Amino acid sequence: MSLRYALLGLLEDGPASGYALNVRFERSLQRYTWTARQSHIYPELKRLADEGLVVIAEEGARGSRTYAITDAGREELRAWLLSPPKPRAVRDEHGLRMCLLSALDPLEASTLVRGHLETAEQMIAELQSIAEAADAGDHPRGRLRFGRLALQYGIFQYEAQREWARWALEQLED
């Protein structure tokens, strides 16, 4: 169900084709919150259009379509954002591995944690680079635009993972 709201949110940031939405999805949501394949995006766009939450703003060559959110779509997105979230099932294999580190000897556990630390540091650097590029460009909402806020959320998550890994390494060394 959240795919529809992710798409509405991406379209609230500006009209886009299905392909452009797929790219936006990969760059701003997939790493932190939601995964969707192109094969899921197009049928959902059709459903949103059938419900009047988006419109086809433009049709291009080879059947490409640019979608735009409608006022009804904005209202649906707003209502969903303001409603309490439903309980969710969490499936984080990496997090599960970190929870089960005590099944390893300290050297093996330290090796895994160091890998976690390196990944977090790499992702922080990558996301900060993307953030710098985003901040250099003009956008009507400036730094408050949809993708930029999600990007910072990702940076903070990886910073927290980095700090946890540093702490865990200290614990394993004792």
N, C-alpha and C. Protein backbone atom coordinates (compact mmCIF):
# COMPACT_ATOMS: atom_id res chain seq x y z
N MET A 1 0.82 -1.20 0.00
CA MET A 1 0.00 0.00 0.00
C MET A 1 0.86 1.26 0.00
N SER A 2 2.04 1.22 0.59
CA SER A 2 2.86 2.43 0.65
C SER A 2 3.44 2.82 -0.69
N LEU A 3 3.49 1.91 -1.65
CA LEU A 3 3.98 2.28 -2.98
C LEU A 3 3.16 3.42 -3.55
N ARG A 4 1.86 3.36 -3.39
CA ARG A 4 1.01 4.43 -3.93
C ARG A 4 1.38 5.77 -3.31
N TYR A 5 1.65 5.78 -2.01
CA TYR A 5 1.99 7.03 -1.34
C TYR A 5 3.40 7.49 -1.70
N ALA A 6 4.29 6.55 -1.89
CA ALA A 6 5.63 6.92 -2.35
C ALA A 6 5.54 7.58 -3.72
N LEU A 7 4.75 7.01 -4.61
CA LEU A 7 4.61 7.60 -5.95
C LEU A 7 3.91 8.96 -5.88
N LEU A 8 2.88 9.06 -5.05
CA LEU A 8 2.22 10.36 -4.90
C LEU A 8 3.20 11.40 -4.36
N GLY A 9 4.02 11.00 -3.40
CA GLY A 9 5.01 11.92 -2.84
C GLY A 9 6.04 12.34 -3.88
N LEU A 10 6.50 11.39 -4.67
CA LEU A 10 7.47 11.72 -5.72
C LEU A 10 6.84 12.65 -6.75
N LEU A 11 5.57 12.42 -7.07
CA LEU A 11 4.89 13.30 -8.04
C LEU A 11 4.54 14.66 -7.43
N GLU A 12 4.39 14.70 -6.13
CA GLU A 12 4.14 15.98 -5.47
C GLU A 12 5.36 16.88 -5.64
N ASP A 13 6.51 16.26 -5.78
CA ASP A 13 7.75 17.00 -6.00
C ASP A 13 7.86 17.51 -7.43
N GLY A 14 7.02 17.00 -8.32
CA GLY A 14 7.00 17.47 -9.70
C GLY A 14 6.59 16.36 -10.65
N PRO A 15 5.94 16.71 -11.78
CA PRO A 15 5.51 15.72 -12.77
C PRO A 15 6.70 14.89 -13.27
N ALA A 16 6.42 13.64 -13.61
CA ALA A 16 7.49 12.76 -14.07
C ALA A 16 6.91 11.59 -14.85
N SER A 17 7.74 11.02 -15.70
CA SER A 17 7.38 9.80 -16.42
C SER A 17 7.60 8.61 -15.49
N GLY A 18 7.09 7.45 -15.90
CA GLY A 18 7.31 6.24 -15.12
C GLY A 18 8.80 5.95 -14.98
N TYR A 19 9.53 6.15 -16.06
CA TYR A 19 10.98 5.93 -16.02
C TYR A 19 11.64 6.88 -15.02
N ALA A 20 11.30 8.16 -15.08
CA ALA A 20 11.88 9.15 -14.17
C ALA A 20 11.51 8.83 -12.72
N LEU A 21 10.29 8.36 -12.50
CA LEU A 21 9.88 7.97 -11.15
C LEU A 21 10.71 6.79 -10.66
N ASN A 22 10.97 5.85 -11.54
CA ASN A 22 11.81 4.71 -11.17
C ASN A 22 13.20 5.18 -10.76
N VAL A 23 13.77 6.13 -11.51
CA VAL A 23 15.09 6.67 -11.17
C VAL A 23 15.02 7.42 -9.85
N ARG A 24 14.00 8.25 -9.66
CA ARG A 24 13.85 8.99 -8.39
C ARG A 24 13.72 8.01 -7.23
N PHE A 25 12.96 6.95 -7.47
CA PHE A 25 12.75 5.94 -6.44
C PHE A 25 14.09 5.35 -6.01
N GLU A 26 14.88 4.96 -6.99
CA GLU A 26 16.17 4.35 -6.69
C GLU A 26 17.09 5.31 -5.95
N ARG A 27 17.05 6.57 -6.31
CA ARG A 27 17.98 7.54 -5.71
C ARG A 27 17.54 8.04 -4.35
N SER A 28 16.23 8.12 -4.12
CA SER A 28 15.81 8.76 -2.88
C SER A 28 15.09 7.86 -1.88
N LEU A 29 14.50 6.77 -2.32
CA LEU A 29 13.73 5.95 -1.38
C LEU A 29 14.30 4.56 -1.16
N GLN A 30 14.76 3.94 -2.21
CA GLN A 30 15.11 2.53 -2.15
C GLN A 30 16.15 2.21 -1.09
N ARG A 31 17.09 3.10 -0.87
CA ARG A 31 18.14 2.81 0.11
C ARG A 31 17.67 2.92 1.54
N TYR A 32 16.58 3.66 1.77
CA TYR A 32 16.21 3.94 3.15
C TYR A 32 14.84 3.43 3.55
N THR A 33 13.90 3.37 2.62
CA THR A 33 12.54 3.13 3.08
C THR A 33 11.74 2.10 2.31
N TRP A 34 11.82 2.08 1.01
CA TRP A 34 10.91 1.25 0.25
C TRP A 34 11.55 0.81 -1.04
N THR A 35 11.33 -0.44 -1.40
CA THR A 35 11.85 -0.97 -2.65
C THR A 35 10.68 -1.21 -3.60
N ALA A 36 10.85 -0.80 -4.83
CA ALA A 36 9.84 -1.05 -5.86
C ALA A 36 10.54 -1.28 -7.19
N ARG A 37 10.02 -2.20 -7.93
CA ARG A 37 10.56 -2.46 -9.27
C ARG A 37 9.73 -1.70 -10.28
N GLN A 38 10.34 -1.49 -11.42
CA GLN A 38 9.64 -0.81 -12.50
C GLN A 38 8.33 -1.54 -12.82
N SER A 39 8.37 -2.87 -12.72
CA SER A 39 7.16 -3.66 -13.02
C SER A 39 6.05 -3.43 -12.00
N HIS A 40 6.37 -2.85 -10.85
CA HIS A 40 5.35 -2.50 -9.85
C HIS A 40 4.87 -1.06 -10.04
N ILE A 41 5.78 -0.21 -10.49
CA ILE A 41 5.48 1.22 -10.59
C ILE A 41 4.41 1.51 -11.65
N TYR A 42 4.56 0.95 -12.83
CA TYR A 42 3.62 1.25 -13.91
C TYR A 42 2.19 0.82 -13.61
N PRO A 43 1.96 -0.40 -13.10
CA PRO A 43 0.57 -0.75 -12.75
C PRO A 43 -0.02 0.15 -11.66
N GLU A 44 0.84 0.55 -10.71
CA GLU A 44 0.34 1.44 -9.64
C GLU A 44 -0.01 2.81 -10.20
N LEU A 45 0.79 3.31 -11.14
CA LEU A 45 0.46 4.59 -11.78
C LEU A 45 -0.88 4.50 -12.50
N LYS A 46 -1.14 3.38 -13.15
CA LYS A 46 -2.44 3.19 -13.82
C LYS A 46 -3.58 3.22 -12.82
N ARG A 47 -3.39 2.52 -11.68
CA ARG A 47 -4.43 2.53 -10.64
C ARG A 47 -4.65 3.95 -10.11
N LEU A 48 -3.56 4.67 -9.87
CA LEU A 48 -3.68 6.04 -9.37
C LEU A 48 -4.42 6.92 -10.37
N ALA A 49 -4.14 6.73 -11.65
CA ALA A 49 -4.83 7.50 -12.70
C ALA A 49 -6.31 7.12 -12.76
N ASP A 50 -6.59 5.82 -12.66
CA ASP A 50 -7.99 5.36 -12.67
C ASP A 50 -8.77 5.93 -11.50
N GLU A 51 -8.10 6.15 -10.37
CA GLU A 51 -8.76 6.70 -9.19
C GLU A 51 -8.78 8.23 -9.18
N GLY A 52 -8.18 8.86 -10.18
CA GLY A 52 -8.16 10.31 -10.27
C GLY A 52 -7.15 10.98 -9.35
N LEU A 53 -6.18 10.21 -8.86
CA LEU A 53 -5.18 10.78 -7.96
C LEU A 53 -3.98 11.34 -8.72
N VAL A 54 -3.80 10.87 -9.95
CA VAL A 54 -2.81 11.44 -10.87
C VAL A 54 -3.46 11.55 -12.23
N VAL A 55 -2.88 12.39 -13.07
CA VAL A 55 -3.33 12.52 -14.46
C VAL A 55 -2.12 12.37 -15.37
N ILE A 56 -2.41 12.01 -16.60
CA ILE A 56 -1.36 11.99 -17.60
C ILE A 56 -1.26 13.42 -18.12
N ALA A 57 -0.18 14.08 -17.76
CA ALA A 57 -0.01 15.49 -18.10
C ALA A 57 0.51 15.67 -19.52
N GLU A 58 1.20 14.64 -20.01
CA GLU A 58 1.80 14.75 -21.33
C GLU A 58 2.08 13.36 -21.88
N GLU A 59 1.88 13.19 -23.17
CA GLU A 59 2.23 11.94 -23.82
C GLU A 59 3.31 12.22 -24.83
N GLY A 60 4.35 11.39 -24.80
CA GLY A 60 5.49 11.60 -25.68
C GLY A 60 5.65 10.48 -26.67
N ALA A 61 6.83 10.46 -27.25
CA ALA A 61 7.15 9.45 -28.25
C ALA A 61 7.14 8.05 -27.63
N ARG A 62 6.82 7.06 -28.44
CA ARG A 62 6.81 5.64 -28.04
C ARG A 62 5.94 5.37 -26.83
N GLY A 63 4.88 6.12 -26.67
CA GLY A 63 3.93 5.88 -25.59
C GLY A 63 4.36 6.33 -24.22
N SER A 64 5.44 7.09 -24.13
CA SER A 64 5.85 7.57 -22.81
C SER A 64 4.82 8.57 -22.28
N ARG A 65 4.63 8.53 -21.00
CA ARG A 65 3.64 9.41 -20.36
C ARG A 65 4.28 10.12 -19.18
N THR A 66 3.94 11.38 -19.03
CA THR A 66 4.35 12.14 -17.86
C THR A 66 3.14 12.28 -16.97
N TYR A 67 3.30 11.90 -15.71
CA TYR A 67 2.20 11.93 -14.75
C TYR A 67 2.34 13.14 -13.82
N ALA A 68 1.21 13.64 -13.39
CA ALA A 68 1.18 14.75 -12.43
C ALA A 68 0.14 14.43 -11.37
N ILE A 69 0.42 14.83 -10.16
CA ILE A 69 -0.51 14.59 -9.05
C ILE A 69 -1.68 15.57 -9.17
N THR A 70 -2.86 15.12 -8.80
CA THR A 70 -4.04 15.98 -8.80
C THR A 70 -4.27 16.51 -7.38
N ASP A 71 -5.23 17.42 -7.25
CA ASP A 71 -5.58 17.90 -5.91
C ASP A 71 -6.07 16.75 -5.03
N ALA A 72 -6.83 15.82 -5.64
CA ALA A 72 -7.31 14.66 -4.88
C ALA A 72 -6.13 13.79 -4.44
N GLY A 73 -5.13 13.68 -5.29
CA GLY A 73 -3.93 12.93 -4.94
C GLY A 73 -3.18 13.59 -3.80
N ARG A 74 -3.08 14.91 -3.85
CA ARG A 74 -2.42 15.64 -2.76
C ARG A 74 -3.17 15.44 -1.45
N GLU A 75 -4.49 15.47 -1.52
CA GLU A 75 -5.28 15.30 -0.30
C GLU A 75 -5.13 13.88 0.24
N GLU A 76 -5.11 12.89 -0.63
CA GLU A 76 -4.91 11.50 -0.18
C GLU A 76 -3.54 11.34 0.46
N LEU A 77 -2.52 11.92 -0.16
CA LEU A 77 -1.17 11.86 0.39
C LEU A 77 -1.13 12.54 1.76
N ARG A 78 -1.73 13.70 1.85
CA ARG A 78 -1.76 14.45 3.11
C ARG A 78 -2.45 13.65 4.21
N ALA A 79 -3.61 13.06 3.89
CA ALA A 79 -4.36 12.28 4.87
C ALA A 79 -3.53 11.08 5.35
N TRP A 80 -2.85 10.43 4.42
CA TRP A 80 -2.01 9.28 4.79
C TRP A 80 -0.84 9.72 5.68
N LEU A 81 -0.19 10.83 5.31
CA LEU A 81 0.94 11.32 6.10
C LEU A 81 0.54 11.68 7.52
N LEU A 82 -0.66 12.20 7.69
CA LEU A 82 -1.12 12.63 9.00
C LEU A 82 -1.75 11.51 9.82
N SER A 83 -1.99 10.35 9.21
CA SER A 83 -2.57 9.22 9.94
C SER A 83 -1.45 8.45 10.65
N PRO A 84 -1.80 7.75 11.74
CA PRO A 84 -0.76 6.97 12.44
C PRO A 84 -0.30 5.80 11.57
N PRO A 85 0.99 5.50 11.59
CA PRO A 85 1.46 4.37 10.78
C PRO A 85 0.94 3.05 11.31
N LYS A 86 0.73 2.12 10.39
CA LYS A 86 0.30 0.78 10.77
C LYS A 86 1.52 -0.01 11.24
N PRO A 87 1.31 -0.99 12.13
CA PRO A 87 2.44 -1.83 12.53
C PRO A 87 3.04 -2.49 11.29
N ARG A 88 4.35 -2.63 11.30
CA ARG A 88 4.99 -3.20 10.12
C ARG A 88 5.87 -4.37 10.50
N ALA A 89 6.04 -5.23 9.54
CA ALA A 89 6.97 -6.35 9.70
C ALA A 89 8.35 -5.85 9.31
N VAL A 90 9.32 -6.10 10.15
CA VAL A 90 10.68 -5.67 9.88
C VAL A 90 11.47 -6.88 9.40
N ARG A 91 12.17 -6.70 8.30
CA ARG A 91 13.04 -7.76 7.78
C ARG A 91 14.35 -7.10 7.38
N ASP A 92 15.27 -7.12 8.28
CA ASP A 92 16.57 -6.50 8.05
C ASP A 92 17.64 -7.55 8.32
N GLU A 93 18.08 -8.21 7.25
CA GLU A 93 19.04 -9.30 7.41
C GLU A 93 20.33 -8.81 8.04
N HIS A 94 20.77 -7.64 7.63
CA HIS A 94 22.01 -7.09 8.19
C HIS A 94 21.85 -6.84 9.69
N GLY A 95 20.73 -6.25 10.08
CA GLY A 95 20.46 -6.02 11.49
C GLY A 95 20.38 -7.32 12.28
N LEU A 96 19.78 -8.33 11.68
CA LEU A 96 19.69 -9.63 12.34
C LEU A 96 21.08 -10.21 12.58
N ARG A 97 21.96 -10.07 11.59
CA ARG A 97 23.33 -10.57 11.75
C ARG A 97 24.01 -9.86 12.93
N MET A 98 23.79 -8.55 13.06
CA MET A 98 24.41 -7.81 14.15
C MET A 98 23.83 -8.25 15.50
N CYS A 99 22.56 -8.60 15.52
CA CYS A 99 21.94 -9.08 16.77
C CYS A 99 22.50 -10.42 17.20
N LEU A 100 22.97 -11.21 16.25
CA LEU A 100 23.41 -12.57 16.55
C LEU A 100 24.93 -12.71 16.61
N LEU A 101 25.63 -11.60 16.73
CA LEU A 101 27.10 -11.63 16.77
C LEU A 101 27.65 -12.49 17.89
N SER A 102 26.91 -12.62 18.97
CA SER A 102 27.43 -13.39 20.10
C SER A 102 27.60 -14.87 19.77
N ALA A 103 27.07 -15.32 18.64
CA ALA A 103 27.26 -16.71 18.22
C ALA A 103 28.65 -16.94 17.63
N LEU A 104 29.39 -15.86 17.40
CA LEU A 104 30.73 -15.95 16.83
C LEU A 104 31.78 -15.69 17.90
N ASP A 105 33.00 -16.10 17.61
CA ASP A 105 34.06 -15.72 18.54
C ASP A 105 34.36 -14.23 18.32
N PRO A 106 34.98 -13.57 19.29
CA PRO A 106 35.19 -12.11 19.19
C PRO A 106 35.93 -11.66 17.94
N LEU A 107 36.88 -12.42 17.46
CA LEU A 107 37.61 -12.03 16.25
C LEU A 107 36.71 -12.04 15.02
N GLU A 108 35.91 -13.09 14.89
CA GLU A 108 34.97 -13.16 13.77
C GLU A 108 33.93 -12.04 13.86
N ALA A 109 33.43 -11.81 15.06
CA ALA A 109 32.44 -10.75 15.26
C ALA A 109 33.04 -9.39 14.91
N SER A 110 34.28 -9.17 15.34
CA SER A 110 34.95 -7.90 15.03
C SER A 110 35.10 -7.71 13.53
N THR A 111 35.40 -8.77 12.82
CA THR A 111 35.54 -8.69 11.36
C THR A 111 34.22 -8.25 10.73
N LEU A 112 33.13 -8.84 11.17
CA LEU A 112 31.82 -8.45 10.63
C LEU A 112 31.48 -7.00 10.97
N VAL A 113 31.76 -6.60 12.19
CA VAL A 113 31.46 -5.23 12.61
C VAL A 113 32.31 -4.23 11.83
N ARG A 114 33.57 -4.57 11.59
CA ARG A 114 34.43 -3.68 10.79
C ARG A 114 33.87 -3.52 9.38
N GLY A 115 33.35 -4.60 8.81
CA GLY A 115 32.71 -4.51 7.50
C GLY A 115 31.49 -3.60 7.55
N HIS A 116 30.73 -3.70 8.63
CA HIS A 116 29.56 -2.84 8.83
C HIS A 116 30.01 -1.38 8.92
N LEU A 117 31.08 -1.14 9.65
CA LEU A 117 31.63 0.21 9.81
C LEU A 117 32.09 0.76 8.46
N GLU A 118 32.81 -0.04 7.70
CA GLU A 118 33.29 0.41 6.38
C GLU A 118 32.14 0.73 5.45
N THR A 119 31.12 -0.12 5.45
CA THR A 119 29.94 0.14 4.60
C THR A 119 29.27 1.44 5.01
N ALA A 120 29.10 1.65 6.30
CA ALA A 120 28.46 2.89 6.78
C ALA A 120 29.27 4.10 6.35
N GLU A 121 30.59 4.04 6.49
CA GLU A 121 31.43 5.18 6.11
C GLU A 121 31.38 5.44 4.60
N GLN A 122 31.35 4.38 3.80
CA GLN A 122 31.24 4.53 2.35
C GLN A 122 29.91 5.18 1.97
N MET A 123 28.84 4.72 2.61
CA MET A 123 27.52 5.26 2.29
C MET A 123 27.40 6.71 2.74
N ILE A 124 27.96 7.06 3.88
CA ILE A 124 27.94 8.45 4.33
C ILE A 124 28.62 9.33 3.30
N ALA A 125 29.80 8.92 2.84
CA ALA A 125 30.54 9.71 1.86
C ALA A 125 29.75 9.84 0.56
N GLU A 126 29.17 8.74 0.10
CA GLU A 126 28.39 8.77 -1.14
C GLU A 126 27.18 9.68 -1.02
N LEU A 127 26.44 9.53 0.07
CA LEU A 127 25.23 10.32 0.25
C LEU A 127 25.55 11.80 0.47
N GLN A 128 26.63 12.09 1.18
CA GLN A 128 27.02 13.50 1.36
C GLN A 128 27.40 14.13 0.03
N SER A 129 28.02 13.37 -0.84
CA SER A 129 28.36 13.86 -2.17
C SER A 129 27.09 14.18 -2.97
N ILE A 130 26.12 13.28 -2.89
CA ILE A 130 24.84 13.52 -3.57
C ILE A 130 24.14 14.72 -2.97
N ALA A 131 24.20 14.86 -1.65
CA ALA A 131 23.56 16.00 -0.97
C ALA A 131 24.20 17.32 -1.40
N GLU A 132 25.52 17.34 -1.50
CA GLU A 132 26.21 18.56 -1.94
C GLU A 132 25.77 18.95 -3.35
N ALA A 133 25.64 17.96 -4.22
CA ALA A 133 25.18 18.25 -5.59
C ALA A 133 23.74 18.74 -5.58
N ALA A 134 22.90 18.13 -4.74
CA ALA A 134 21.50 18.56 -4.66
C ALA A 134 21.38 19.97 -4.11
N ASP A 135 22.21 20.30 -3.13
CA ASP A 135 22.16 21.63 -2.52
C ASP A 135 22.67 22.71 -3.48
N ALA A 136 23.48 22.31 -4.44
CA ALA A 136 24.01 23.29 -5.41
C ALA A 136 22.97 23.67 -6.44
N GLY A 137 21.97 22.82 -6.66
CA GLY A 137 20.96 23.09 -7.67
C GLY A 137 19.79 23.88 -7.10
N ASP A 138 19.06 24.52 -8.00
CA ASP A 138 17.87 25.28 -7.60
C ASP A 138 16.65 24.38 -7.60
N HIS A 139 15.80 24.58 -6.64
CA HIS A 139 14.53 23.86 -6.55
C HIS A 139 13.56 24.79 -5.82
N PRO A 140 12.31 24.85 -6.26
CA PRO A 140 11.35 25.76 -5.62
C PRO A 140 11.24 25.61 -4.11
N ARG A 141 11.47 24.40 -3.60
CA ARG A 141 11.38 24.17 -2.16
C ARG A 141 12.74 24.17 -1.49
N GLY A 142 13.77 24.42 -2.24
CA GLY A 142 15.11 24.44 -1.65
C GLY A 142 15.44 23.12 -0.99
N ARG A 143 16.02 23.19 0.19
CA ARG A 143 16.45 21.99 0.89
C ARG A 143 15.30 21.18 1.46
N LEU A 144 14.09 21.71 1.41
CA LEU A 144 12.96 20.98 1.97
C LEU A 144 12.30 20.05 0.97
N ARG A 145 12.82 19.97 -0.22
CA ARG A 145 12.19 19.10 -1.20
C ARG A 145 12.28 17.65 -0.76
N PHE A 146 11.39 16.88 -1.31
CA PHE A 146 11.19 15.49 -0.93
C PHE A 146 12.48 14.67 -0.90
N GLY A 147 13.18 14.60 -2.00
CA GLY A 147 14.37 13.76 -2.08
C GLY A 147 15.48 14.20 -1.15
N ARG A 148 15.64 15.50 -0.96
CA ARG A 148 16.72 16.01 -0.11
C ARG A 148 16.48 15.63 1.35
N LEU A 149 15.24 15.70 1.78
CA LEU A 149 14.93 15.31 3.16
C LEU A 149 15.19 13.82 3.36
N ALA A 150 14.79 13.00 2.40
CA ALA A 150 15.03 11.56 2.49
C ALA A 150 16.53 11.26 2.47
N LEU A 151 17.26 12.01 1.68
CA LEU A 151 18.71 11.83 1.60
C LEU A 151 19.36 12.10 2.95
N GLN A 152 18.94 13.16 3.62
CA GLN A 152 19.50 13.47 4.94
C GLN A 152 19.12 12.40 5.95
N TYR A 153 17.92 11.87 5.82
CA TYR A 153 17.48 10.77 6.69
C TYR A 153 18.45 9.60 6.54
N GLY A 154 18.81 9.28 5.31
CA GLY A 154 19.76 8.21 5.05
C GLY A 154 21.13 8.49 5.65
N ILE A 155 21.59 9.74 5.52
CA ILE A 155 22.88 10.11 6.09
C ILE A 155 22.87 9.90 7.60
N PHE A 156 21.81 10.36 8.25
CA PHE A 156 21.72 10.19 9.71
C PHE A 156 21.67 8.71 10.10
N GLN A 157 20.96 7.89 9.31
CA GLN A 157 20.90 6.46 9.61
C GLN A 157 22.30 5.83 9.54
N TYR A 158 23.03 6.14 8.49
CA TYR A 158 24.37 5.57 8.35
C TYR A 158 25.33 6.13 9.41
N GLU A 159 25.15 7.37 9.82
CA GLU A 159 25.98 7.90 10.90
C GLU A 159 25.70 7.15 12.20
N ALA A 160 24.43 6.84 12.45
CA ALA A 160 24.08 6.07 13.64
C ALA A 160 24.68 4.66 13.56
N GLN A 161 24.64 4.05 12.39
CA GLN A 161 25.24 2.72 12.22
C GLN A 161 26.75 2.78 12.44
N ARG A 162 27.38 3.84 11.96
CA ARG A 162 28.82 4.00 12.15
C ARG A 162 29.15 4.10 13.64
N GLU A 163 28.38 4.90 14.37
CA GLU A 163 28.64 5.06 15.80
C GLU A 163 28.40 3.76 16.55
N TRP A 164 27.36 3.02 16.16
CA TRP A 164 27.12 1.73 16.79
C TRP A 164 28.30 0.80 16.53
N ALA A 165 28.79 0.75 15.30
CA ALA A 165 29.90 -0.15 14.96
C ALA A 165 31.15 0.21 15.76
N ARG A 166 31.42 1.48 15.92
CA ARG A 166 32.58 1.89 16.74
C ARG A 166 32.42 1.42 18.18
N TRP A 167 31.21 1.62 18.71
CA TRP A 167 30.92 1.18 20.07
C TRP A 167 31.04 -0.34 20.19
N ALA A 168 30.48 -1.06 19.23
CA ALA A 168 30.51 -2.53 19.27
C ALA A 168 31.94 -3.04 19.21
N LEU A 169 32.79 -2.41 18.41
CA LEU A 169 34.19 -2.82 18.34
C LEU A 169 34.88 -2.62 19.69
N GLU A 170 34.57 -1.52 20.37
CA GLU A 170 35.12 -1.32 21.72
C GLU A 170 34.69 -2.43 22.67
N GLN A 171 33.42 -2.80 22.57
CA GLN A 171 32.89 -3.86 23.44
C GLN A 171 33.58 -5.18 23.16
N LEU A 172 33.79 -5.47 21.88
CA LEU A 172 34.42 -6.74 21.50
C LEU A 172 35.90 -6.78 21.88
N GLU A 173 36.55 -5.65 21.96
CA GLU A 173 37.96 -5.60 22.33
C GLU A 173 38.16 -5.80 23.82
N ASP A 174 37.14 -5.53 24.64
CA ASP A 174 37.26 -5.69 26.09
C ASP A 174 37.24 -7.14 26.50
